[in-house]
Amino acid sequence: MTTSLLLIVQIVLVIILVIAVLLQKSSSIGLGAYSGSNDSVFGAKGPNSFLAKATFTVGLLFVINTITLGYMYTRTAQASVVDDIVTKTNVAAPAVKTTPAKETNATK
């Protein structure tokens, strides 16, 4: 149940993240953005705009949700199907009745 909810949250976060990235202003200077110019990715003063902060927050939530989903799927993958059935039904293995072997003339 919780993994389904987290998966839905993951899809919503992806949609919000894509929209937030597409709405941001493009610097359109290519690789020159990393040379220290004032028109770099976030400007000279860093990410001051609301959209940049929102994108960072949604991206952080996306990463945290991804790690949580990975942990939950790994934990459920370690359980065996047989263990799950035994736990739900609480059925013990049937006792095997053994009959003593008949004595033969050779053993007397």
Protein backbone atom coordinates (compact mmCIF):
# COMPACT_ATOMS: atom_id res chain seq x y z
CA MET A 1 0.00 0.00 0.00
CA THR A 2 2.71 2.48 0.91
CA THR A 3 4.80 1.58 -2.13
CA SER A 4 1.82 2.32 -4.37
CA LEU A 5 1.38 5.71 -2.72
CA LEU A 6 5.09 6.49 -3.05
CA LEU A 7 5.03 5.45 -6.70
CA ILE A 8 2.15 7.86 -7.38
CA VAL A 9 4.05 10.62 -5.54
CA GLN A 10 7.10 9.81 -7.69
CA ILE A 11 5.14 10.26 -10.90
CA VAL A 12 3.67 13.57 -9.69
CA LEU A 13 7.14 14.80 -8.67
CA VAL A 14 8.52 13.93 -12.11
CA ILE A 15 5.77 15.91 -13.84
CA ILE A 16 6.29 18.93 -11.54
CA LEU A 17 10.07 18.75 -12.01
CA VAL A 18 9.82 18.66 -15.80
CA ILE A 19 7.43 21.63 -15.83
CA ALA A 20 9.66 23.62 -13.45
CA VAL A 21 12.75 23.00 -15.57
CA LEU A 22 10.96 23.91 -18.80
CA LEU A 23 9.63 27.17 -17.34
CA GLN A 24 13.08 28.46 -16.38
CA LYS A 25 14.88 31.04 -18.47
CA SER A 26 17.43 29.53 -20.82
CA SER A 27 20.93 30.96 -20.60
CA SER A 28 21.55 29.81 -24.21
CA ILE A 29 25.29 30.35 -24.06
CA GLY A 30 26.20 26.69 -24.20
CA LEU A 31 29.39 25.64 -22.46
CA GLY A 32 30.31 29.26 -21.78
CA ALA A 33 28.00 29.13 -18.76
CA TYR A 34 30.77 27.50 -16.74
CA SER A 35 33.44 30.10 -17.53
CA GLY A 36 32.35 32.47 -14.77
CA SER A 37 30.32 34.97 -16.75
CA ASN A 38 27.47 36.86 -15.10
CA ASP A 39 24.96 35.18 -17.40
CA SER A 40 25.83 31.73 -16.06
CA VAL A 41 23.31 29.07 -15.08
CA PHE A 42 22.12 30.81 -11.88
CA GLY A 43 23.73 34.22 -12.38
CA ALA A 44 26.51 35.75 -10.33
CA LYS A 45 24.57 35.77 -7.05
CA GLY A 46 23.28 32.18 -7.16
CA PRO A 47 19.74 30.83 -7.40
CA ASN A 48 17.66 33.76 -6.19
CA SER A 49 14.52 33.25 -8.20
CA PHE A 50 11.53 31.40 -6.82
CA LEU A 51 11.51 28.96 -9.73
CA ALA A 52 15.12 27.93 -9.15
CA LYS A 53 14.47 27.31 -5.45
CA ALA A 54 11.29 25.37 -6.25
CA THR A 55 13.16 23.24 -8.78
CA PHE A 56 15.85 22.45 -6.20
CA THR A 57 13.24 21.53 -3.58
CA VAL A 58 11.25 19.29 -5.92
CA GLY A 59 14.48 17.67 -7.13
CA LEU A 60 15.52 16.96 -3.54
CA LEU A 61 12.10 15.44 -2.78
CA PHE A 62 12.43 13.34 -5.93
CA VAL A 63 15.81 11.95 -4.83
CA ILE A 64 14.57 11.19 -1.30
CA ASN A 65 11.46 9.47 -2.68
CA THR A 66 13.58 7.43 -5.10
CA ILE A 67 15.86 6.21 -2.31
CA THR A 68 12.85 5.32 -0.15
CA LEU A 69 11.22 3.38 -2.99
CA GLY A 70 14.45 1.52 -3.66
CA TYR A 71 14.77 0.56 -0.01
CA MET A 72 11.17 -0.64 0.19
CA TYR A 73 11.38 -2.69 -3.01
CA THR A 74 14.66 -4.26 -1.88
CA ARG A 75 13.18 -5.18 1.48
CA THR A 76 10.14 -6.86 -0.12
CA ALA A 77 12.30 -8.64 -2.69
CA GLN A 78 14.23 -10.42 0.06
CA ALA A 79 11.11 -12.17 1.35
CA SER A 80 10.35 -15.60 -0.08
CA VAL A 81 6.96 -16.51 -1.52
CA VAL A 82 6.93 -19.69 0.56
CA ASP A 83 7.69 -17.71 3.72
CA ASP A 84 4.81 -15.39 2.89
CA ILE A 85 2.38 -18.29 2.45
CA VAL A 86 3.46 -20.00 5.67
CA THR A 87 3.16 -16.76 7.59
CA LYS A 88 -0.35 -16.04 6.30
CA THR A 89 -1.73 -19.55 6.81
CA ASN A 90 0.27 -20.56 9.90
CA VAL A 91 0.26 -24.14 8.65
CA ALA A 92 2.97 -26.40 9.95
CA ALA A 93 4.35 -29.22 7.87
CA PRO A 94 2.30 -32.41 8.33
CA ALA A 95 3.87 -35.01 10.56
CA VAL A 96 4.94 -38.12 8.72
CA LYS A 97 3.88 -41.32 10.43
CA THR A 98 6.43 -44.06 10.29
CA THR A 99 5.67 -47.67 10.98
CA PRO A 100 8.31 -49.92 12.44
CA ALA A 101 9.79 -52.36 9.98
CA LYS A 102 8.65 -55.94 10.38
CA GLU A 103 11.26 -58.25 11.69
CA THR A 104 12.44 -60.91 9.28
CA ASN A 105 13.88 -64.29 10.01
CA ALA A 106 17.34 -63.00 9.09
CA THR A 107 17.40 -60.47 11.94
CA LYS A 108 16.36 -62.97 14.65
